């Protein structure tokens, strides 16, 4: 059974940085994609960053709103995925979820990020 546990969220001032981690356990056979989503209060969940084509090299996609500020990465040895977030803005405030796509979507419970002075 696949389990995802996010960590690293918190309160940060505008312009600051955070690194989110997603600890992954369970079989990853058939993994198609992995990524980070976020959901702000009163808004729908949206894609933030994604790693695709995991079996034939990989490609990374980012939401336009985070390009140049956020970086997604994975450490296969530690079974962990990361989201490095720099130059944070108040609009980045949301609950951040990690996601795996393996025939179906797997989600963590999320970690909250608040960007405020």
PDB file of N, CA and C in Angstrom:
ATOM      1  N   UNK A   1       0.843  -1.179   0.000  1.00  0.00           N
ATOM      2  CA  UNK A   1       0.000   0.000   0.000  1.00  0.00           C
ATOM      3  C   UNK A   1       0.887   1.241   0.000  1.00  0.00           C
ATOM      4  N   UNK A   2       0.593   2.141  -0.897  1.00  0.00           N
ATOM      5  CA  UNK A   2       1.387   3.360  -1.019  1.00  0.00           C
ATOM      6  C   UNK A   2       0.939   4.370   0.025  1.00  0.00           C
ATOM      7  N   UNK A   3       1.908   4.970   0.690  1.00  0.00           N
ATOM      8  CA  UNK A   3       1.619   6.042   1.651  1.00  0.00           C
ATOM      9  C   UNK A   3       2.532   7.221   1.369  1.00  0.00           C
ATOM     10  N   UNK A   4       1.959   8.396   1.476  1.00  0.00           N
ATOM     11  CA  UNK A   4       2.679   9.639   1.248  1.00  0.00           C
ATOM     12  C   UNK A   4       2.532  10.513   2.479  1.00  0.00           C
ATOM     13  N   UNK A   5       3.640  11.044   2.976  1.00  0.00           N
ATOM     14  CA  UNK A   5       3.605  11.906   4.152  1.00  0.00           C
ATOM     15  C   UNK A   5       4.395  13.170   3.857  1.00  0.00           C
ATOM     16  N   UNK A   6       3.686  14.292   3.847  1.00  0.00           N
ATOM     17  CA  UNK A   6       4.337  15.579   3.594  1.00  0.00           C
ATOM     18  C   UNK A   6       4.848  16.203   4.887  1.00  0.00           C
ATOM     19  N   UNK A   7       5.881  17.016   4.753  1.00  0.00           N
ATOM     20  CA  UNK A   7       6.394  17.782   5.880  1.00  0.00           C
ATOM     21  C   UNK A   7       7.108  19.015   5.354  1.00  0.00           C
ATOM     22  N   UNK A   8       7.402  19.944   6.267  1.00  0.00           N
ATOM     23  CA  UNK A   8       8.180  21.121   5.891  1.00  0.00           C
ATOM     24  C   UNK A   8       7.391  22.397   5.741  1.00  0.00           C
ATOM     25  N   UNK A   9       6.081  22.315   5.863  1.00  0.00           N
ATOM     26  CA  UNK A   9       5.287  23.535   5.758  1.00  0.00           C
ATOM     27  C   UNK A   9       5.430  24.399   6.994  1.00  0.00           C
ATOM     28  N   UNK A  10       4.867  25.609   6.906  1.00  0.00           N
ATOM     29  CA  UNK A  10       4.926  26.502   8.050  1.00  0.00           C
ATOM     30  C   UNK A  10       4.637  27.925   7.665  1.00  0.00           C
ATOM     31  N   UNK A  11       4.961  28.836   8.565  1.00  0.00           N
ATOM     32  CA  UNK A  11       4.766  30.266   8.349  1.00  0.00           C
ATOM     33  C   UNK A  11       6.080  30.886   7.902  1.00  0.00           C
ATOM     34  N   UNK A  12       6.024  31.661   6.827  1.00  0.00           N
ATOM     35  CA  UNK A  12       7.233  32.296   6.301  1.00  0.00           C
ATOM     36  C   UNK A  12       6.861  33.693   5.808  1.00  0.00           C
ATOM     37  N   UNK A  13       7.804  34.601   5.889  1.00  0.00           N
ATOM     38  CA  UNK A  13       7.564  35.961   5.417  1.00  0.00           C
ATOM     39  C   UNK A  13       7.685  36.018   3.897  1.00  0.00           C
ATOM     40  N   UNK A  14       7.022  36.977   3.280  1.00  0.00           N
ATOM     41  CA  UNK A  14       7.191  37.153   1.829  1.00  0.00           C
ATOM     42  C   UNK A  14       8.662  37.297   1.456  1.00  0.00           C
ATOM     43  N   UNK A  15       9.040  36.623   0.372  1.00  0.00           N
ATOM     44  CA  UNK A  15      10.432  36.617  -0.049  1.00  0.00           C
ATOM     45  C   UNK A  15      11.248  35.486   0.541  1.00  0.00           C
ATOM     46  N   UNK A  16      10.687  34.784   1.494  1.00  0.00           N
ATOM     47  CA  UNK A  16      11.395  33.695   2.149  1.00  0.00           C
ATOM     48  C   UNK A  16      11.330  32.396   1.360  1.00  0.00           C
ATOM     49  N   UNK A  17      11.898  31.361   1.963  1.00  0.00           N
ATOM     50  CA  UNK A  17      11.983  30.053   1.321  1.00  0.00           C
ATOM     51  C   UNK A  17      11.532  28.952   2.266  1.00  0.00           C
ATOM     52  N   UNK A  18      11.049  27.882   1.664  1.00  0.00           N
ATOM     53  CA  UNK A  18      10.715  26.658   2.389  1.00  0.00           C
ATOM     54  C   UNK A  18      11.048  25.482   1.481  1.00  0.00           C
ATOM     55  N   UNK A  19      11.352  24.347   2.099  1.00  0.00           N
ATOM     56  CA  UNK A  19      11.505  23.116   1.339  1.00  0.00           C
ATOM     57  C   UNK A  19      10.529  22.083   1.889  1.00  0.00           C
ATOM     58  N   UNK A  20       9.631  21.656   1.036  1.00  0.00           N
ATOM     59  CA  UNK A  20       8.677  20.616   1.407  1.00  0.00           C
ATOM     60  C   UNK A  20       9.256  19.254   1.046  1.00  0.00           C
ATOM     61  N   UNK A  21       8.942  18.270   1.866  1.00  0.00           N
ATOM     62  CA  UNK A  21       9.355  16.900   1.615  1.00  0.00           C
ATOM     63  C   UNK A  21       8.138  15.990   1.585  1.00  0.00           C
ATOM     64  N   UNK A  22       8.237  14.955   0.777  1.00  0.00           N
ATOM     65  CA  UNK A  22       7.183  13.947   0.709  1.00  0.00           C
ATOM     66  C   UNK A  22       7.852  12.587   0.840  1.00  0.00           C
ATOM     67  N   UNK A  23       7.650  11.943   1.979  1.00  0.00           N
ATOM     68  CA  UNK A  23       8.193  10.605   2.201  1.00  0.00           C
ATOM     69  C   UNK A  23       7.244   9.586   1.595  1.00  0.00           C
ATOM     70  N   UNK A  24       7.809   8.716   0.747  1.00  0.00           N
ATOM     71  CA  UNK A  24       7.001   7.761  -0.010  1.00  0.00           C
ATOM     72  C   UNK A  24       7.330   6.347   0.447  1.00  0.00           C
ATOM     73  N   UNK A  25       6.295   5.577   0.738  1.00  0.00           N
ATOM     74  CA  UNK A  25       6.503   4.173   1.090  1.00  0.00           C
ATOM     75  C   UNK A  25       5.555   3.308   0.275  1.00  0.00           C
ATOM     76  N   UNK A  26       5.966   2.062   0.064  1.00  0.00           N
ATOM     77  CA  UNK A  26       5.164   1.148  -0.717  1.00  0.00           C
ATOM     78  C   UNK A  26       5.728   0.939  -2.106  1.00  0.00           C
ATOM     79  N   UNK A  27       5.120   0.035  -2.828  1.00  0.00           N
ATOM     80  CA  UNK A  27       5.584  -0.281  -4.175  1.00  0.00           C
ATOM     81  C   UNK A  27       5.260   0.851  -5.142  1.00  0.00           C
ATOM     82  N   UNK A  28       6.233   1.168  -5.981  1.00  0.00           N
ATOM     83  CA  UNK A  28       6.041   2.205  -6.993  1.00  0.00           C
ATOM     84  C   UNK A  28       5.987   1.599  -8.393  1.00  0.00           C
ATOM     85  N   UNK A  29       5.647   0.328  -8.465  1.00  0.00           N
ATOM     86  CA  UNK A  29       5.524  -0.323  -9.768  1.00  0.00           C
ATOM     87  C   UNK A  29       4.422   0.355 -10.561  1.00  0.00           C
ATOM     88  N   UNK A  30       4.763   0.717 -11.798  1.00  0.00           N
ATOM     89  CA  UNK A  30       3.769   1.363 -12.645  1.00  0.00           C
ATOM     90  C   UNK A  30       3.652   2.859 -12.443  1.00  0.00           C
ATOM     91  N   UNK A  31       4.624   3.443 -11.745  1.00  0.00           N
ATOM     92  CA  UNK A  31       4.567   4.888 -11.491  1.00  0.00           C
ATOM     93  C   UNK A  31       4.662   5.657 -12.802  1.00  0.00           C
ATOM     94  N   UNK A  32       3.711   6.529 -13.039  1.00  0.00           N
ATOM     95  CA  UNK A  32       3.681   7.331 -14.258  1.00  0.00           C
ATOM     96  C   UNK A  32       4.165   8.759 -14.039  1.00  0.00           C
ATOM     97  N   UNK A  33       3.755   9.327 -12.916  1.00  0.00           N
ATOM     98  CA  UNK A  33       4.099  10.719 -12.640  1.00  0.00           C
ATOM     99  C   UNK A  33       4.029  10.968 -11.146  1.00  0.00           C
ATOM    100  N   UNK A  34       4.719  12.005 -10.728  1.00  0.00           N
ATOM    101  CA  UNK A  34       4.682  12.419  -9.330  1.00  0.00           C
ATOM    102  C   UNK A  34       4.732  13.936  -9.292  1.00  0.00           C
ATOM    103  N   UNK A  35       4.133  14.506  -8.273  1.00  0.00           N
ATOM    104  CA  UNK A  35       4.108  15.955  -8.263  1.00  0.00           C
ATOM    105  C   UNK A  35       3.557  16.548  -6.995  1.00  0.00           C
ATOM    106  N   UNK A  36       3.468  17.867  -7.014  1.00  0.00           N
ATOM    107  CA  UNK A  36       2.936  18.645  -5.903  1.00  0.00           C
ATOM    108  C   UNK A  36       1.731  19.452  -6.397  1.00  0.00           C
ATOM    109  N   UNK A  37       0.698  19.471  -5.586  1.00  0.00           N
ATOM    110  CA  UNK A  37      -0.487  20.272  -5.826  1.00  0.00           C
ATOM    111  C   UNK A  37      -0.689  21.160  -4.600  1.00  0.00           C
ATOM    112  N   UNK A  38      -1.531  22.155  -4.777  1.00  0.00           N
ATOM    113  CA  UNK A  38      -1.891  23.005  -3.627  1.00  0.00           C
ATOM    114  C   UNK A  38      -3.347  23.428  -3.724  1.00  0.00           C
ATOM    115  N   UNK A  39      -3.903  23.724  -2.557  1.00  0.00           N
ATOM    116  CA  UNK A  39      -5.285  24.193  -2.502  1.00  0.00           C
ATOM    117  C   UNK A  39      -5.363  25.334  -1.508  1.00  0.00           C
ATOM    118  N   UNK A  40      -5.694  26.499  -2.014  1.00  0.00           N
ATOM    119  CA  UNK A  40      -5.875  27.673  -1.175  1.00  0.00           C
ATOM    120  C   UNK A  40      -7.320  27.724  -0.687  1.00  0.00           C
ATOM    121  N   UNK A  41      -7.583  28.424   0.401  1.00  0.00           N
ATOM    122  CA  UNK A  41      -8.950  28.508   0.923  1.00  0.00           C
ATOM    123  C   UNK A  41      -9.915  29.036  -0.127  1.00  0.00           C
ATOM    124  N   UNK A  42     -11.000  28.315  -0.325  1.00  0.00           N
ATOM    125  CA  UNK A  42     -12.020  28.742  -1.267  1.00  0.00           C
ATOM    126  C   UNK A  42     -11.697  28.505  -2.727  1.00  0.00           C
ATOM    127  N   UNK A  43     -10.578  27.834  -2.986  1.00  0.00           N
ATOM    128  CA  UNK A  43     -10.167  27.589  -4.370  1.00  0.00           C
ATOM    129  C   UNK A  43     -10.027  26.094  -4.628  1.00  0.00           C
ATOM    130  N   UNK A  44      -9.980  25.744  -5.925  1.00  0.00           N
ATOM    131  CA  UNK A  44      -9.795  24.352  -6.283  1.00  0.00           C
ATOM    132  C   UNK A  44      -8.322  23.957  -6.163  1.00  0.00           C
ATOM    133  N   UNK A  45      -8.105  22.671  -6.018  1.00  0.00           N
ATOM    134  CA  UNK A  45      -6.739  22.164  -5.979  1.00  0.00           C
ATOM    135  C   UNK A  45      -6.094  22.359  -7.354  1.00  0.00           C
ATOM    136  N   UNK A  46      -4.852  22.820  -7.360  1.00  0.00           N
ATOM    137  CA  UNK A  46      -4.165  23.078  -8.616  1.00  0.00           C
ATOM    138  C   UNK A  46      -2.782  22.449  -8.630  1.00  0.00           C
ATOM    139  N   UNK A  47      -2.333  22.120  -9.827  1.00  0.00           N
ATOM    140  CA  UNK A  47      -1.005  21.556  -9.998  1.00  0.00           C
ATOM    141  C   UNK A  47       0.042  22.646  -9.804  1.00  0.00           C
ATOM    142  N   UNK A  48       1.078  22.318  -9.049  1.00  0.00           N
ATOM    143  CA  UNK A  48       2.186  23.248  -8.836  1.00  0.00           C
ATOM    144  C   UNK A  48       3.396  22.815  -9.649  1.00  0.00           C
ATOM    145  N   UNK A  49       3.777  21.560  -9.518  1.00  0.00           N
ATOM    146  CA  UNK A  49       4.958  21.044 -10.216  1.00  0.00           C
ATOM    147  C   UNK A  49       4.818  19.539 -10.366  1.00  0.00           C
ATOM    148  N   UNK A  50       5.390  19.020 -11.445  1.00  0.00           N
ATOM    149  CA  UNK A  50       5.201  17.604 -11.745  1.00  0.00           C
ATOM    150  C   UNK A  50       6.422  17.042 -12.459  1.00  0.00           C
ATOM    151  N   UNK A  51       6.722  15.779 -12.184  1.00  0.00           N
ATOM    152  CA  UNK A  51       7.754  15.050 -12.909  1.00  0.00           C
ATOM    153  C   UNK A  51       7.046  13.968 -13.716  1.00  0.00           C
ATOM    154  N   UNK A  52       7.266  13.974 -15.031  1.00  0.00           N
ATOM    155  CA  UNK A  52       6.604  13.035 -15.940  1.00  0.00           C
ATOM    156  C   UNK A  52       7.630  12.125 -16.608  1.00  0.00           C
ATOM    157  N   UNK A  53       7.123  11.117 -17.291  1.00  0.00           N
ATOM    158  CA  UNK A  53       7.966  10.228 -18.097  1.00  0.00           C
ATOM    159  C   UNK A  53       9.094   9.630 -17.276  1.00  0.00           C
ATOM    160  N   UNK A  54       8.744   9.108 -16.129  1.00  0.00           N
ATOM    161  CA  UNK A  54       9.750   8.641 -15.187  1.00  0.00           C
ATOM    162  C   UNK A  54      10.542   7.457 -15.713  1.00  0.00           C
ATOM    163  N   UNK A  55       9.970   6.707 -16.634  1.00  0.00           N
ATOM    164  CA  UNK A  55      10.648   5.512 -17.127  1.00  0.00           C
ATOM    165  C   UNK A  55      11.508   5.771 -18.347  1.00  0.00           C
ATOM    166  N   UNK A  56      11.438   6.937 -18.925  1.00  0.00           N
ATOM    167  CA  UNK A  56      12.230   7.261 -20.123  1.00  0.00           C
ATOM    168  C   UNK A  56      12.901   8.602 -19.934  1.00  0.00           C
ATOM    169  N   UNK A  57      13.693   8.694 -18.885  1.00  0.00           N
ATOM    170  CA  UNK A  57      14.251   9.976 -18.497  1.00  0.00           C
ATOM    171  C   UNK A  57      13.159  10.667 -17.721  1.00  0.00           C
ATOM    172  N   UNK A  58      13.136  11.925 -17.667  1.00  0.00           N
ATOM    173  CA  UNK A  58      12.047  12.603 -16.968  1.00  0.00           C
ATOM    174  C   UNK A  58      11.926  14.027 -17.480  1.00  0.00           C
ATOM    175  N   UNK A  59      10.736  14.539 -17.390  1.00  0.00           N
ATOM    176  CA  UNK A  59      10.498  15.944 -17.713  1.00  0.00           C
ATOM    177  C   UNK A  59       9.771  16.585 -16.544  1.00  0.00           C
ATOM    178  N   UNK A  60       9.981  17.849 -16.362  1.00  0.00           N
ATOM    179  CA  UNK A  60       9.375  18.576 -15.253  1.00  0.00           C
ATOM    180  C   UNK A  60       8.497  19.691 -15.787  1.00  0.00           C
ATOM    181  N   UNK A  61       7.309  19.771 -15.228  1.00  0.00           N
ATOM    182  CA  UNK A  61       6.386  20.847 -15.566  1.00  0.00           C
ATOM    183  C   UNK A  61       6.094  21.682 -14.335  1.00  0.00           C
ATOM    184  N   UNK A  62       5.900  22.972 -14.559  1.00  0.00           N
ATOM    185  CA  UNK A  62       5.583  23.893 -13.468  1.00  0.00           C
ATOM    186  C   UNK A  62       4.413  24.770 -13.855  1.00  0.00           C
ATOM    187  N   UNK A  63       3.611  25.110 -12.880  1.00  0.00           N
ATOM    188  CA  UNK A  63       2.581  26.116 -13.099  1.00  0.00           C
ATOM    189  C   UNK A  63       3.266  27.447 -13.418  1.00  0.00           C
ATOM    190  N   UNK A  64       2.650  28.213 -14.290  1.00  0.00           N
ATOM    191  CA  UNK A  64       3.248  29.498 -14.670  1.00  0.00           C
ATOM    192  C   UNK A  64       3.517  30.382 -13.453  1.00  0.00           C
ATOM    193  N   UNK A  65       2.663  30.288 -12.471  1.00  0.00           N
ATOM    194  CA  UNK A  65       2.775  31.154 -11.301  1.00  0.00           C
ATOM    195  C   UNK A  65       3.993  30.858 -10.434  1.00  0.00           C
ATOM    196  N   UNK A  66       4.616  29.685 -10.624  1.00  0.00           N
ATOM    197  CA  UNK A  66       5.757  29.315  -9.772  1.00  0.00           C
ATOM    198  C   UNK A  66       7.054  29.125 -10.558  1.00  0.00           C
ATOM    199  N   UNK A  67       6.979  29.219 -11.879  1.00  0.00           N
ATOM    200  CA  UNK A  67       8.186  29.033 -12.699  1.00  0.00           C
ATOM    201  C   UNK A  67       9.285  30.004 -12.284  1.00  0.00           C
ATOM    202  N   UNK A  68      10.489  29.472 -12.152  1.00  0.00           N
ATOM    203  CA  UNK A  68      11.627  30.289 -11.756  1.00  0.00           C
ATOM    204  C   UNK A  68      11.762  30.455 -10.259  1.00  0.00           C
ATOM    205  N   UNK A  69      10.740  30.046  -9.495  1.00  0.00           N
ATOM    206  CA  UNK A  69      10.789  30.184  -8.030  1.00  0.00           C
ATOM    207  C   UNK A  69      10.785  28.836  -7.320  1.00  0.00           C
ATOM    208  N   UNK A  70      10.070  27.865  -7.878  1.00  0.00           N
ATOM    209  CA  UNK A  70       9.936  26.550  -7.254  1.00  0.00           C
ATOM    210  C   UNK A  70      10.714  25.515  -8.073  1.00  0.00           C
ATOM    211  N   UNK A  71      11.246  24.509  -7.362  1.00  0.00           N
ATOM    212  CA  UNK A  71      11.945  23.421  -8.025  1.00  0.00           C
ATOM    213  C   UNK A  71      11.510  22.098  -7.424  1.00  0.00           C
ATOM    214  N   UNK A  72      11.082  21.185  -8.285  1.00  0.00           N
ATOM    215  CA  UNK A  72      10.695  19.854  -7.844  1.00  0.00           C
ATOM    216  C   UNK A  72      11.863  18.904  -8.080  1.00  0.00           C
ATOM    217  N   UNK A  73      12.056  17.970  -7.150  1.00  0.00           N
ATOM    218  CA  UNK A  73      13.129  16.995  -7.302  1.00  0.00           C
ATOM    219  C   UNK A  73      12.755  15.723  -6.537  1.00  0.00           C
ATOM    220  N   UNK A  74      13.520  14.671  -6.803  1.00  0.00           N
ATOM    221  CA  UNK A  74      13.296  13.419  -6.085  1.00  0.00           C
ATOM    222  C   UNK A  74      14.635  12.790  -5.751  1.00  0.00           C
ATOM    223  N   UNK A  75      14.662  12.098  -4.639  1.00  0.00           N
ATOM    224  CA  UNK A  75      15.825  11.325  -4.223  1.00  0.00           C
ATOM    225  C   UNK A  75      15.359   9.878  -4.157  1.00  0.00           C
ATOM    226  N   UNK A  76      15.665   9.110  -5.218  1.00  0.00           N
ATOM    227  CA  UNK A  76      15.154   7.748  -5.261  1.00  0.00           C
ATOM    228  C   UNK A  76      15.736   6.889  -4.147  1.00  0.00           C
ATOM    229  N   UNK A  77      16.973   7.182  -3.736  1.00  0.00           N
ATOM    230  CA  UNK A  77      17.584   6.403  -2.665  1.00  0.00           C
ATOM    231  C   UNK A  77      16.860   6.567  -1.337  1.00  0.00           C
ATOM    232  N   UNK A  78      16.295   7.748  -1.116  1.00  0.00           N
ATOM    233  CA  UNK A  78      15.579   8.036   0.128  1.00  0.00           C
ATOM    234  C   UNK A  78      14.072   7.947  -0.052  1.00  0.00           C
ATOM    235  N   UNK A  79      13.622   7.594  -1.271  1.00  0.00           N
ATOM    236  CA  UNK A  79      12.187   7.522  -1.545  1.00  0.00           C
ATOM    237  C   UNK A  79      11.486   8.793  -1.099  1.00  0.00           C
ATOM    238  N   UNK A  80      12.048   9.906  -1.478  1.00  0.00           N
ATOM    239  CA  UNK A  80      11.516  11.199  -1.061  1.00  0.00           C
ATOM    240  C   UNK A  80      11.435  12.143  -2.248  1.00  0.00           C
ATOM    241  N   UNK A  81      10.390  12.923  -2.265  1.00  0.00           N
ATOM    242  CA  UNK A  81      10.231  13.975  -3.267  1.00  0.00           C
ATOM    243  C   UNK A  81      10.262  15.313  -2.551  1.00  0.00           C
ATOM    244  N   UNK A  82      10.800  16.311  -3.221  1.00  0.00           N
ATOM    245  CA  UNK A  82      10.952  17.614  -2.593  1.00  0.00           C
ATOM    246  C   UNK A  82      10.320  18.702  -3.445  1.00  0.00           C
ATOM    247  N   UNK A  83       9.993  19.801  -2.780  1.00  0.00           N
ATOM    248  CA  UNK A  83       9.601  21.022  -3.488  1.00  0.00           C
ATOM    249  C   UNK A  83      10.325  22.177  -2.810  1.00  0.00           C
ATOM    250  N   UNK A  84      11.324  22.697  -3.481  1.00  0.00           N
ATOM    251  CA  UNK A  84      12.039  23.864  -2.978  1.00  0.00           C
ATOM    252  C   UNK A  84      11.297  25.105  -3.441  1.00  0.00           C
ATOM    253  N   UNK A  85      10.890  25.928  -2.501  1.00  0.00           N
ATOM    254  CA  UNK A  85      10.093  27.116  -2.802  1.00  0.00           C
ATOM    255  C   UNK A  85      10.868  28.357  -2.369  1.00  0.00           C
ATOM    256  N   UNK A  86      11.201  29.187  -3.330  1.00  0.00           N
ATOM    257  CA  UNK A  86      11.927  30.428  -3.062  1.00  0.00           C
ATOM    258  C   UNK A  86      11.073  31.632  -3.438  1.00  0.00           C
ATOM    259  N   UNK A  87      11.471  32.785  -2.960  1.00  0.00           N
ATOM    260  CA  UNK A  87      10.766  34.044  -3.268  1.00  0.00           C
ATOM    261  C   UNK A  87       9.262  33.893  -3.056  1.00  0.00           C
ATOM    262  N   UNK A  88       8.907  33.375  -1.924  1.00  0.00           N
ATOM    263  CA  UNK A  88       7.501  33.093  -1.654  1.00  0.00           C
ATOM    264  C   UNK A  88       6.672  34.364  -1.581  1.00  0.00           C
ATOM    265  N   UNK A  89       5.431  34.239  -2.038  1.00  0.00           N
ATOM    266  CA  UNK A  89       4.488  35.351  -2.071  1.00  0.00           C
ATOM    267  C   UNK A  89       3.251  34.984  -1.261  1.00  0.00           C
ATOM    268  N   UNK A  90       2.502  35.983  -0.804  1.00  0.00           N
ATOM    269  CA  UNK A  90       1.263  35.671  -0.077  1.00  0.00           C
ATOM    270  C   UNK A  90       0.317  34.773  -0.890  1.00  0.00           C
ATOM    271  N   UNK A  91       0.328  34.907  -2.212  1.00  0.00           N
ATOM    272  CA  UNK A  91      -0.539  34.065  -3.051  1.00  0.00           C
ATOM    273  C   UNK A  91      -0.133  32.601  -3.038  1.00  0.00           C
ATOM    274  N   UNK A  92       1.038  32.293  -2.508  1.00  0.00           N
ATOM    275  CA  UNK A  92       1.462  30.897  -2.404  1.00  0.00           C
ATOM    276  C   UNK A  92       0.874  30.210  -1.175  1.00  0.00           C
ATOM    277  N   UNK A  93       0.171  30.964  -0.347  1.00  0.00           N
ATOM    278  CA  UNK A  93      -0.451  30.390   0.840  1.00  0.00           C
ATOM    279  C   UNK A  93      -1.483  29.339   0.446  1.00  0.00           C
ATOM    280  N   UNK A  94      -1.313  28.136   0.972  1.00  0.00           N
ATOM    281  CA  UNK A  94      -2.191  27.020   0.618  1.00  0.00           C
ATOM    282  C   UNK A  94      -1.762  25.789   1.408  1.00  0.00           C
ATOM    283  N   UNK A  95      -2.575  24.758   1.310  1.00  0.00           N
ATOM    284  CA  UNK A  95      -2.153  23.435   1.762  1.00  0.00           C
ATOM    285  C   UNK A  95      -1.534  22.732   0.564  1.00  0.00           C
ATOM    286  N   UNK A  96      -0.340  22.204   0.749  1.00  0.00           N
ATOM    287  CA  UNK A  96       0.400  21.556  -0.328  1.00  0.00           C
ATOM    288  C   UNK A  96       0.335  20.039  -0.165  1.00  0.00           C
ATOM    289  N   UNK A  97       0.004  19.371  -1.261  1.00  0.00           N
ATOM    290  CA  UNK A  97      -0.173  17.928  -1.273  1.00  0.00           C
ATOM    291  C   UNK A  97       0.811  17.283  -2.248  1.00  0.00           C
ATOM    292  N   UNK A  98       1.391  16.168  -1.873  1.00  0.00           N
ATOM    293  CA  UNK A  98       2.156  15.413  -2.856  1.00  0.00           C
ATOM    294  C   UNK A  98       1.250  14.354  -3.462  1.00  0.00           C
ATOM    295  N   UNK A  99       1.583  13.983  -4.683  1.00  0.00           N
ATOM    296  CA  UNK A  99       0.729  13.125  -5.489  1.00  0.00           C
ATOM    297  C   UNK A  99       1.566  12.145  -6.292  1.00  0.00           C
ATOM    298  N   UNK A 100       1.095  10.913  -6.369  1.00  0.00           N
ATOM    299  CA  UNK A 100       1.662   9.919  -7.277  1.00  0.00           C
ATOM    300  C   UNK A 100       0.542   9.429  -8.188  1.00  0.00           C
ATOM    301  N   UNK A 101       0.873   9.233  -9.443  1.00  0.00           N
ATOM    302  CA  UNK A 101      -0.074   8.680 -10.400  1.00  0.00           C
ATOM    303  C   UNK A 101       0.433   7.306 -10.828  1.00  0.00           C
ATOM    304  N   UNK A 102      -0.285   6.253 -10.399  1.00  0.00           N
ATOM    305  CA  UNK A 102       0.061   4.873 -10.757  1.00  0.00           C
ATOM    306  C   UNK A 102      -1.240   4.163 -11.043  1.00  0.00           C
ATOM    307  N   UNK A 103      -1.813   4.427 -12.202  1.00  0.00           N
ATOM    308  CA  UNK A 103      -3.114   3.857 -12.507  1.00  0.00           C
ATOM    309  C   UNK A 103      -4.232   4.619 -11.809  1.00  0.00           C
ATOM    310  N   UNK A 104      -3.971   5.068 -10.636  1.00  0.00           N
ATOM    311  CA  UNK A 104      -4.896   5.924  -9.887  1.00  0.00           C
ATOM    312  C   UNK A 104      -4.046   6.956  -9.151  1.00  0.00           C
ATOM    313  N   UNK A 105      -4.714   7.949  -8.626  1.00  0.00           N
ATOM    314  CA  UNK A 105      -4.010   8.990  -7.884  1.00  0.00           C
ATOM    315  C   UNK A 105      -3.873   8.623  -6.416  1.00  0.00           C
ATOM    316  N   UNK A 106      -2.682   8.836  -5.887  1.00  0.00           N
ATOM    317  CA  UNK A 106      -2.416   8.689  -4.460  1.00  0.00           C
ATOM    318  C   UNK A 106      -2.063  10.058  -3.909  1.00  0.00           C
ATOM    319  N   UNK A 107      -2.622  10.363  -2.724  1.00  0.00           N
ATOM    320  CA  UNK A 107      -2.433  11.682  -2.121  1.00  0.00           C
ATOM    321  C   UNK A 107      -1.948  11.563  -0.693  1.00  0.00           C
ATOM    322  N   UNK A 108      -1.125  12.535  -0.285  1.00  0.00           N
ATOM    323  CA  UNK A 108      -0.833  12.684   1.118  1.00  0.00           C
ATOM    324  C   UNK A 108      -1.910  13.524   1.781  1.00  0.00           C
ATOM    325  N   UNK A 109      -1.739  13.786   3.084  1.00  0.00           N
ATOM    326  CA  UNK A 109      -2.744  14.558   3.815  1.00  0.00           C
ATOM    327  C   UNK A 109      -2.489  16.050   3.746  1.00  0.00           C
ATOM    328  N   UNK A 110      -1.328  16.430   3.226  1.00  0.00           N
ATOM    329  CA  UNK A 110      -1.033  17.829   3.017  1.00  0.00           C
ATOM    330  C   UNK A 110      -0.250  18.474   4.142  1.00  0.00           C
ATOM    331  N   UNK A 111       0.448  19.552   3.785  1.00  0.00           N
ATOM    332  CA  UNK A 111       1.163  20.360   4.771  1.00  0.00           C
ATOM    333  C   UNK A 111       0.858  21.830   4.478  1.00  0.00           C
ATOM    334  N   UNK A 112       0.464  22.597   5.477  1.00  0.00           N
ATOM    335  CA  UNK A 112       0.067  23.982   5.224  1.00  0.00           C
ATOM    336  C   UNK A 112       1.263  24.917   5.102  1.00  0.00           C
ATOM    337  N   UNK A 113       1.157  25.831   4.175  1.00  0.00           N
ATOM    338  CA  UNK A 113       2.152  26.885   3.976  1.00  0.00           C
ATOM    339  C   UNK A 113       1.431  28.228   4.059  1.00  0.00           C
ATOM    340  N   UNK A 114       1.924  29.094   4.922  1.00  0.00           N
ATOM    341  CA  UNK A 114       1.366  30.436   5.065  1.00  0.00           C
ATOM    342  C   UNK A 114       2.469  31.450   4.829  1.00  0.00           C
ATOM    343  N   UNK A 115       2.232  32.322   3.861  1.00  0.00           N
ATOM    344  CA  UNK A 115       3.206  33.368   3.542  1.00  0.00           C
ATOM    345  C   UNK A 115       2.592  34.696   3.973  1.00  0.00           C
ATOM    346  N   UNK A 116       3.145  35.259   5.022  1.00  0.00           N
ATOM    347  CA  UNK A 116       2.571  36.473   5.589  1.00  0.00           C
ATOM    348  C   UNK A 116       3.622  37.207   6.404  1.00  0.00           C
ATOM    349  N   UNK A 117       3.491  38.529   6.426  1.00  0.00           N
ATOM    350  CA  UNK A 117       4.383  39.332   7.252  1.00  0.00           C
ATOM    351  C   UNK A 117       3.747  39.613   8.610  1.00  0.00           C
TER     352      UNK A 117
END
